[in-house]
Amino acid sequence: MASELPTRFLTAEDLVEMFELPSVETVYQWRRKQTGPRGFRVGRHLRFDPRDVRAWVDSQIGQAA
C-alpha cells in the first residue's frame, strides 16, 4: 500500500486494489466480522474514510509487532 492515501472517500474496490485482495467480498466479510477498517454507507454504497483506513493499517502493524 502506498504511504499516501487519496483524499477522497474510498470504495470497497479501492481497498481490493490497495491490499491486493481476492474480491470485494473480502471487504464485506471484514465489515460483517468487524475486523476491517471502519466504513459507512452512502445510500447503498459502502465508503471508507482514508484516515480510518490508515488507522486500521497502523493498528494491524502494531498487532503484528
Protein backbone atom coordinates (compact mmCIF):
# COMPACT_ATOMS: atom_id res chain seq x y z
CA MET A 1 0.00 0.00 0.00
CA ALA A 2 1.31 3.45 -0.84
CA SER A 3 2.12 5.70 2.09
CA GLU A 4 -0.13 8.44 0.73
CA LEU A 5 -3.83 7.66 0.52
CA PRO A 6 -6.24 9.58 -1.70
CA THR A 7 -8.15 12.43 -0.08
CA ARG A 8 -11.49 11.21 -1.46
CA PHE A 9 -13.60 8.57 0.26
CA LEU A 10 -12.54 5.08 -0.79
CA THR A 11 -14.72 2.32 -2.22
CA ALA A 12 -14.57 -1.41 -1.50
CA GLU A 13 -12.97 -1.77 -4.93
CA ASP A 14 -10.26 0.69 -3.90
CA LEU A 15 -9.44 -1.49 -0.89
CA VAL A 16 -9.31 -4.59 -3.10
CA GLU A 17 -6.78 -2.86 -5.34
CA MET A 18 -4.73 -1.34 -2.49
CA PHE A 19 -4.42 -4.57 -0.49
CA GLU A 20 -4.47 -6.95 -3.48
CA LEU A 21 -7.49 -8.79 -2.07
CA PRO A 22 -9.22 -11.62 -3.95
CA SER A 23 -12.54 -9.75 -4.28
CA VAL A 24 -14.83 -7.15 -2.76
CA GLU A 25 -16.48 -9.99 -0.86
CA THR A 26 -13.42 -9.99 1.40
CA VAL A 27 -14.10 -6.35 2.29
CA TYR A 28 -17.74 -7.16 3.04
CA GLN A 29 -16.66 -10.12 5.20
CA TRP A 30 -14.35 -7.82 7.16
CA ARG A 31 -17.29 -5.50 7.70
CA ARG A 32 -19.60 -8.30 8.88
CA LYS A 33 -16.91 -9.62 11.25
CA GLN A 34 -15.94 -6.08 12.30
CA THR A 35 -12.28 -6.80 11.59
CA GLY A 36 -11.56 -4.35 8.77
CA PRO A 37 -11.41 -0.57 8.57
CA ARG A 38 -14.46 1.36 9.66
CA GLY A 39 -16.80 2.06 6.76
CA PHE A 40 -20.11 3.81 6.24
CA ARG A 41 -22.97 3.72 3.78
CA VAL A 42 -23.94 6.42 1.34
CA GLY A 43 -27.26 5.08 0.18
CA ARG A 44 -26.43 1.52 -0.82
CA HIS A 45 -22.75 2.25 -1.46
CA LEU A 46 -20.01 1.44 1.05
CA ARG A 47 -17.35 4.10 1.58
CA PHE A 48 -14.22 4.36 3.72
CA ASP A 49 -12.53 7.46 5.08
CA PRO A 50 -8.83 7.26 4.14
CA ARG A 51 -7.91 8.32 7.71
CA ASP A 52 -9.85 5.33 9.10
CA VAL A 53 -8.09 3.02 6.63
CA ARG A 54 -4.69 4.41 7.70
CA ALA A 55 -5.61 3.99 11.40
CA TRP A 56 -6.66 0.39 10.73
CA VAL A 57 -3.42 -0.36 8.87
CA ASP A 58 -1.39 1.17 11.70
CA SER A 59 -3.28 -0.96 14.25
CA GLN A 60 -2.62 -4.09 12.19
CA ILE A 61 1.08 -3.27 12.04
CA GLY A 62 1.10 -2.64 15.80
CA GLN A 63 -0.55 -6.00 16.50
CA ALA A 64 1.92 -7.81 14.26
CA ALA A 65 4.96 -6.29 16.01
